[in-house]
Amino acid sequence: MNKEFYRHPDGKGTIVYDPETFVLTVINENDGQVVRVNVGPCGMLQIAERMTRAASEIFQEEEDEEN
């Protein structure tokens, strides 16, 4: 069963994951493109860590620009 991980607030994209098949699907609803990638549990943790780090860096840069 697919689990929705993220849906863009304006409906521009969705990310879903099927834990039974280890398939991560990224859907670009603007142009209809769909990308599927096989990612197991360890890969999901690596993606989560890297995305968290990237988001933190972006927030830090924005904060630095404000000061």
PDB file of N, CA and C in Angstrom:
ATOM      1  N   MET A   1       0.842  -1.178   0.000  1.00  0.00           N
ATOM      2  CA  MET A   1       0.000   0.000   0.000  1.00  0.00           C
ATOM      3  C   MET A   1       0.894   1.250   0.000  1.00  0.00           C
ATOM      4  N   ASN A   2       0.619   2.173  -0.905  1.00  0.00           N
ATOM      5  CA  ASN A   2       1.392   3.412  -0.995  1.00  0.00           C
ATOM      6  C   ASN A   2       1.124   4.324   0.187  1.00  0.00           C
ATOM      7  N   LYS A   3       2.208   4.966   0.640  1.00  0.00           N
ATOM      8  CA  LYS A   3       2.097   5.968   1.696  1.00  0.00           C
ATOM      9  C   LYS A   3       2.482   7.307   1.104  1.00  0.00           C
ATOM     10  N   GLU A   4       1.600   8.272   1.206  1.00  0.00           N
ATOM     11  CA  GLU A   4       1.908   9.603   0.698  1.00  0.00           C
ATOM     12  C   GLU A   4       2.848  10.291   1.685  1.00  0.00           C
ATOM     13  N   PHE A   5       4.039  10.654   1.184  1.00  0.00           N
ATOM     14  CA  PHE A   5       5.027  11.329   2.022  1.00  0.00           C
ATOM     15  C   PHE A   5       4.880  12.835   1.950  1.00  0.00           C
ATOM     16  N   TYR A   6       4.538  13.333   0.770  1.00  0.00           N
ATOM     17  CA  TYR A   6       4.496  14.784   0.591  1.00  0.00           C
ATOM     18  C   TYR A   6       3.565  15.128  -0.547  1.00  0.00           C
ATOM     19  N   ARG A   7       2.794  16.183  -0.349  1.00  0.00           N
ATOM     20  CA  ARG A   7       1.987  16.752  -1.434  1.00  0.00           C
ATOM     21  C   ARG A   7       2.196  18.252  -1.385  1.00  0.00           C
ATOM     22  N   HIS A   8       2.601  18.820  -2.515  1.00  0.00           N
ATOM     23  CA  HIS A   8       2.813  20.264  -2.583  1.00  0.00           C
ATOM     24  C   HIS A   8       1.496  20.961  -2.283  1.00  0.00           C
ATOM     25  N   PRO A   9       1.539  22.031  -1.480  1.00  0.00           N
ATOM     26  CA  PRO A   9       0.287  22.704  -1.094  1.00  0.00           C
ATOM     27  C   PRO A   9      -0.528  23.225  -2.270  1.00  0.00           C
ATOM     28  N   ASP A  10       0.137  23.529  -3.386  1.00  0.00           N
ATOM     29  CA  ASP A  10      -0.582  24.014  -4.568  1.00  0.00           C
ATOM     30  C   ASP A  10      -0.863  22.895  -5.569  1.00  0.00           C
ATOM     31  N   GLY A  11      -0.605  21.659  -5.168  1.00  0.00           N
ATOM     32  CA  GLY A  11      -0.881  20.526  -6.041  1.00  0.00           C
ATOM     33  C   GLY A  11       0.097  20.354  -7.178  1.00  0.00           C
ATOM     34  N   LYS A  12       1.316  20.853  -7.019  1.00  0.00           N
ATOM     35  CA  LYS A  12       2.293  20.787  -8.112  1.00  0.00           C
ATOM     36  C   LYS A  12       3.129  19.519  -8.102  1.00  0.00           C
ATOM     37  N   GLY A  13       2.991  18.700  -7.081  1.00  0.00           N
ATOM     38  CA  GLY A  13       3.781  17.478  -7.026  1.00  0.00           C
ATOM     39  C   GLY A  13       3.454  16.652  -5.808  1.00  0.00           C
ATOM     40  N   THR A  14       3.770  15.365  -5.916  1.00  0.00           N
ATOM     41  CA  THR A  14       3.493  14.418  -4.843  1.00  0.00           C
ATOM     42  C   THR A  14       4.620  13.401  -4.781  1.00  0.00           C
ATOM     43  N   ILE A  15       4.936  12.961  -3.561  1.00  0.00           N
ATOM     44  CA  ILE A  15       5.906  11.887  -3.369  1.00  0.00           C
ATOM     45  C   ILE A  15       5.209  10.794  -2.573  1.00  0.00           C
ATOM     46  N   VAL A  16       5.238   9.576  -3.109  1.00  0.00           N
ATOM     47  CA  VAL A  16       4.643   8.435  -2.417  1.00  0.00           C
ATOM     48  C   VAL A  16       5.655   7.302  -2.338  1.00  0.00           C
ATOM     49  N   TYR A  17       5.466   6.426  -1.367  1.00  0.00           N
ATOM     50  CA  TYR A  17       6.372   5.297  -1.164  1.00  0.00           C
ATOM     51  C   TYR A  17       5.564   4.038  -0.929  1.00  0.00           C
ATOM     52  N   ASP A  18       5.986   2.958  -1.588  1.00  0.00           N
ATOM     53  CA  ASP A  18       5.362   1.656  -1.381  1.00  0.00           C
ATOM     54  C   ASP A  18       6.345   0.783  -0.607  1.00  0.00           C
ATOM     55  N   PRO A  19       6.117   0.588   0.699  1.00  0.00           N
ATOM     56  CA  PRO A  19       7.061  -0.175   1.509  1.00  0.00           C
ATOM     57  C   PRO A  19       7.113  -1.666   1.163  1.00  0.00           C
ATOM     58  N   GLU A  20       6.106  -2.160   0.471  1.00  0.00           N
ATOM     59  CA  GLU A  20       6.111  -3.571   0.084  1.00  0.00           C
ATOM     60  C   GLU A  20       7.056  -3.829  -1.082  1.00  0.00           C
ATOM     61  N   THR A  21       7.141  -2.873  -2.007  1.00  0.00           N
ATOM     62  CA  THR A  21       8.000  -3.043  -3.185  1.00  0.00           C
ATOM     63  C   THR A  21       9.244  -2.175  -3.130  1.00  0.00           C
ATOM     64  N   PHE A  22       9.342  -1.320  -2.088  1.00  0.00           N
ATOM     65  CA  PHE A  22      10.464  -0.388  -1.921  1.00  0.00           C
ATOM     66  C   PHE A  22      10.567   0.605  -3.081  1.00  0.00           C
ATOM     67  N   VAL A  23       9.436   1.018  -3.615  1.00  0.00           N
ATOM     68  CA  VAL A  23       9.430   1.956  -4.734  1.00  0.00           C
ATOM     69  C   VAL A  23       8.998   3.341  -4.238  1.00  0.00           C
ATOM     70  N   LEU A  24       9.875   4.327  -4.477  1.00  0.00           N
ATOM     71  CA  LEU A  24       9.604   5.730  -4.197  1.00  0.00           C
ATOM     72  C   LEU A  24       9.189   6.374  -5.515  1.00  0.00           C
ATOM     73  N   THR A  25       8.032   7.023  -5.529  1.00  0.00           N
ATOM     74  CA  THR A  25       7.516   7.628  -6.748  1.00  0.00           C
ATOM     75  C   THR A  25       7.390   9.132  -6.553  1.00  0.00           C
ATOM     76  N   VAL A  26       7.966   9.881  -7.487  1.00  0.00           N
ATOM     77  CA  VAL A  26       7.875  11.338  -7.492  1.00  0.00           C
ATOM     78  C   VAL A  26       7.042  11.728  -8.707  1.00  0.00           C
ATOM     79  N   ILE A  27       5.967  12.467  -8.456  1.00  0.00           N
ATOM     80  CA  ILE A  27       5.027  12.845  -9.515  1.00  0.00           C
ATOM     81  C   ILE A  27       5.053  14.360  -9.677  1.00  0.00           C
ATOM     82  N   ASN A  28       5.382  14.819 -10.885  1.00  0.00           N
ATOM     83  CA  ASN A  28       5.328  16.240 -11.218  1.00  0.00           C
ATOM     84  C   ASN A  28       3.983  16.468 -11.895  1.00  0.00           C
ATOM     85  N   GLU A  29       3.055  17.047 -11.165  1.00  0.00           N
ATOM     86  CA  GLU A  29       1.706  17.194 -11.689  1.00  0.00           C
ATOM     87  C   GLU A  29       1.575  18.350 -12.665  1.00  0.00           C
ATOM     88  N   ASN A  30       2.622  19.183 -12.790  1.00  0.00           N
ATOM     89  CA  ASN A  30       2.593  20.256 -13.790  1.00  0.00           C
ATOM     90  C   ASN A  30       2.694  19.705 -15.200  1.00  0.00           C
ATOM     91  N   ASP A  31       3.608  18.741 -15.394  1.00  0.00           N
ATOM     92  CA  ASP A  31       3.811  18.226 -16.751  1.00  0.00           C
ATOM     93  C   ASP A  31       3.538  16.728 -16.878  1.00  0.00           C
ATOM     94  N   GLY A  32       3.079  16.103 -15.800  1.00  0.00           N
ATOM     95  CA  GLY A  32       2.708  14.695 -15.853  1.00  0.00           C
ATOM     96  C   GLY A  32       3.866  13.721 -15.761  1.00  0.00           C
ATOM     97  N   GLN A  33       5.077  14.195 -15.519  1.00  0.00           N
ATOM     98  CA  GLN A  33       6.215  13.286 -15.413  1.00  0.00           C
ATOM     99  C   GLN A  33       6.141  12.493 -14.120  1.00  0.00           C
ATOM    100  N   VAL A  34       6.524  11.231 -14.208  1.00  0.00           N
ATOM    101  CA  VAL A  34       6.556  10.348 -13.046  1.00  0.00           C
ATOM    102  C   VAL A  34       7.903   9.636 -13.041  1.00  0.00           C
ATOM    103  N   VAL A  35       8.562   9.626 -11.883  1.00  0.00           N
ATOM    104  CA  VAL A  35       9.839   8.932 -11.738  1.00  0.00           C
ATOM    105  C   VAL A  35       9.699   7.949 -10.592  1.00  0.00           C
ATOM    106  N   ARG A  36      10.143   6.711 -10.834  1.00  0.00           N
ATOM    107  CA  ARG A  36      10.105   5.685  -9.800  1.00  0.00           C
ATOM    108  C   ARG A  36      11.529   5.200  -9.538  1.00  0.00           C
ATOM    109  N   VAL A  37      11.851   5.053  -8.249  1.00  0.00           N
ATOM    110  CA  VAL A  37      13.186   4.628  -7.846  1.00  0.00           C
ATOM    111  C   VAL A  37      13.049   3.554  -6.778  1.00  0.00           C
ATOM    112  N   ASN A  38      13.839   2.495  -6.895  1.00  0.00           N
ATOM    113  CA  ASN A  38      13.855   1.469  -5.860  1.00  0.00           C
ATOM    114  C   ASN A  38      14.746   1.941  -4.724  1.00  0.00           C
ATOM    115  N   VAL A  39      14.156   2.067  -3.518  1.00  0.00           N
ATOM    116  CA  VAL A  39      14.880   2.544  -2.346  1.00  0.00           C
ATOM    117  C   VAL A  39      14.431   1.721  -1.139  1.00  0.00           C
ATOM    118  N   GLY A  40      15.372   1.031  -0.536  1.00  0.00           N
ATOM    119  CA  GLY A  40      15.063   0.247   0.658  1.00  0.00           C
ATOM    120  C   GLY A  40      15.092   1.112   1.903  1.00  0.00           C
ATOM    121  N   PRO A  41      14.897   0.495   3.058  1.00  0.00           N
ATOM    122  CA  PRO A  41      14.847   1.247   4.323  1.00  0.00           C
ATOM    123  C   PRO A  41      16.129   2.034   4.605  1.00  0.00           C
ATOM    124  N   CYS A  42      17.287   1.450   4.369  1.00  0.00           N
ATOM    125  CA  CYS A  42      18.552   2.178   4.608  1.00  0.00           C
ATOM    126  C   CYS A  42      18.662   3.371   3.668  1.00  0.00           C
ATOM    127  N   GLY A  43      18.271   3.192   2.429  1.00  0.00           N
ATOM    128  CA  GLY A  43      18.292   4.291   1.470  1.00  0.00           C
ATOM    129  C   GLY A  43      17.337   5.403   1.861  1.00  0.00           C
ATOM    130  N   MET A  44      16.173   5.018   2.397  1.00  0.00           N
ATOM    131  CA  MET A  44      15.207   6.027   2.846  1.00  0.00           C
ATOM    132  C   MET A  44      15.797   6.856   3.986  1.00  0.00           C
ATOM    133  N   LEU A  45      16.511   6.201   4.897  1.00  0.00           N
ATOM    134  CA  LEU A  45      17.149   6.938   5.991  1.00  0.00           C
ATOM    135  C   LEU A  45      18.221   7.890   5.464  1.00  0.00           C
ATOM    136  N   GLN A  46      18.992   7.440   4.481  1.00  0.00           N
ATOM    137  CA  GLN A  46      20.020   8.305   3.892  1.00  0.00           C
ATOM    138  C   GLN A  46      19.378   9.519   3.212  1.00  0.00           C
ATOM    139  N   ILE A  47      18.308   9.290   2.476  1.00  0.00           N
ATOM    140  CA  ILE A  47      17.604  10.391   1.816  1.00  0.00           C
ATOM    141  C   ILE A  47      17.070  11.365   2.862  1.00  0.00           C
ATOM    142  N   ALA A  48      16.456  10.847   3.913  1.00  0.00           N
ATOM    143  CA  ALA A  48      15.899  11.698   4.960  1.00  0.00           C
ATOM    144  C   ALA A  48      16.987  12.541   5.621  1.00  0.00           C
ATOM    145  N   GLU A  49      18.126  11.929   5.915  1.00  0.00           N
ATOM    146  CA  GLU A  49      19.224  12.664   6.544  1.00  0.00           C
ATOM    147  C   GLU A  49      19.745  13.765   5.626  1.00  0.00           C
ATOM    148  N   ARG A  50      19.916  13.444   4.362  1.00  0.00           N
ATOM    149  CA  ARG A  50      20.448  14.435   3.415  1.00  0.00           C
ATOM    150  C   ARG A  50      19.452  15.554   3.155  1.00  0.00           C
ATOM    151  N   MET A  51      18.171  15.232   3.088  1.00  0.00           N
ATOM    152  CA  MET A  51      17.161  16.269   2.879  1.00  0.00           C
ATOM    153  C   MET A  51      17.050  17.166   4.109  1.00  0.00           C
ATOM    154  N   THR A  52      17.163  16.578   5.290  1.00  0.00           N
ATOM    155  CA  THR A  52      17.140  17.374   6.522  1.00  0.00           C
ATOM    156  C   THR A  52      18.334  18.320   6.557  1.00  0.00           C
ATOM    157  N   ARG A  53      19.501  17.815   6.196  1.00  0.00           N
ATOM    158  CA  ARG A  53      20.701  18.650   6.172  1.00  0.00           C
ATOM    159  C   ARG A  53      20.556  19.775   5.148  1.00  0.00           C
ATOM    160  N   ALA A  54      20.052  19.457   3.965  1.00  0.00           N
ATOM    161  CA  ALA A  54      19.878  20.474   2.924  1.00  0.00           C
ATOM    162  C   ALA A  54      18.877  21.543   3.358  1.00  0.00           C
ATOM    163  N   ALA A  55      17.774  21.131   3.959  1.00  0.00           N
ATOM    164  CA  ALA A  55      16.771  22.097   4.429  1.00  0.00           C
ATOM    165  C   ALA A  55      17.352  22.979   5.524  1.00  0.00           C
ATOM    166  N   SER A  56      18.114  22.401   6.427  1.00  0.00           N
ATOM    167  CA  SER A  56      18.746  23.184   7.497  1.00  0.00           C
ATOM    168  C   SER A  56      19.697  24.222   6.935  1.00  0.00           C
ATOM    169  N   GLU A  57      20.463  23.843   5.914  1.00  0.00           N
ATOM    170  CA  GLU A  57      21.390  24.782   5.274  1.00  0.00           C
ATOM    171  C   GLU A  57      20.638  25.934   4.616  1.00  0.00           C
ATOM    172  N   ILE A  58      19.526  25.633   3.970  1.00  0.00           N
ATOM    173  CA  ILE A  58      18.721  26.673   3.324  1.00  0.00           C
ATOM    174  C   ILE A  58      18.167  27.630   4.375  1.00  0.00           C
ATOM    175  N   PHE A  59      17.630  27.076   5.463  1.00  0.00           N
ATOM    176  CA  PHE A  59      17.115  27.933   6.538  1.00  0.00           C
ATOM    177  C   PHE A  59      18.222  28.807   7.113  1.00  0.00           C
ATOM    178  N   GLN A  60      19.408  28.229   7.295  1.00  0.00           N
ATOM    179  CA  GLN A  60      20.524  28.995   7.850  1.00  0.00           C
ATOM    180  C   GLN A  60      20.921  30.128   6.906  1.00  0.00           C
ATOM    181  N   GLU A  61      20.981  29.836   5.601  1.00  0.00           N
ATOM    182  CA  GLU A  61      21.326  30.871   4.613  1.00  0.00           C
ATOM    183  C   GLU A  61      20.295  31.997   4.636  1.00  0.00           C
ATOM    184  N   GLU A  62      19.010  31.650   4.714  1.00  0.00           N
ATOM    185  CA  GLU A  62      17.958  32.674   4.763  1.00  0.00           C
ATOM    186  C   GLU A  62      18.080  33.521   6.020  1.00  0.00           C
ATOM    187  N   GLU A  63      18.402  32.872   7.131  1.00  0.00           N
ATOM    188  CA  GLU A  63      18.558  33.592   8.378  1.00  0.00           C
ATOM    189  C   GLU A  63      19.762  34.527   8.307  1.00  0.00           C
ATOM    190  N   ASP A  64      20.857  34.063   7.712  1.00  0.00           N
ATOM    191  CA  ASP A  64      22.059  34.891   7.563  1.00  0.00           C
ATOM    192  C   ASP A  64      21.777  36.108   6.686  1.00  0.00           C
ATOM    193  N   GLU A  65      20.969  35.942   5.635  1.00  0.00           N
ATOM    194  CA  GLU A  65      20.634  37.025   4.742  1.00  0.00           C
ATOM    195  C   GLU A  65      19.783  38.091   5.442  1.00  0.00           C
ATOM    196  N   GLU A  66      18.940  37.647   6.376  1.00  0.00           N
ATOM    197  CA  GLU A  66      18.074  38.570   7.105  1.00  0.00           C
ATOM    198  C   GLU A  66      18.862  39.408   8.103  1.00  0.00           C
ATOM    199  N   ASN A  67      19.982  38.896   8.592  1.00  0.00           N
ATOM    200  CA  ASN A  67      20.778  39.595   9.605  1.00  0.00           C
ATOM    201  C   ASN A  67      21.872  40.425   9.008  1.00  0.00           C
TER     202      ASN A  67
END
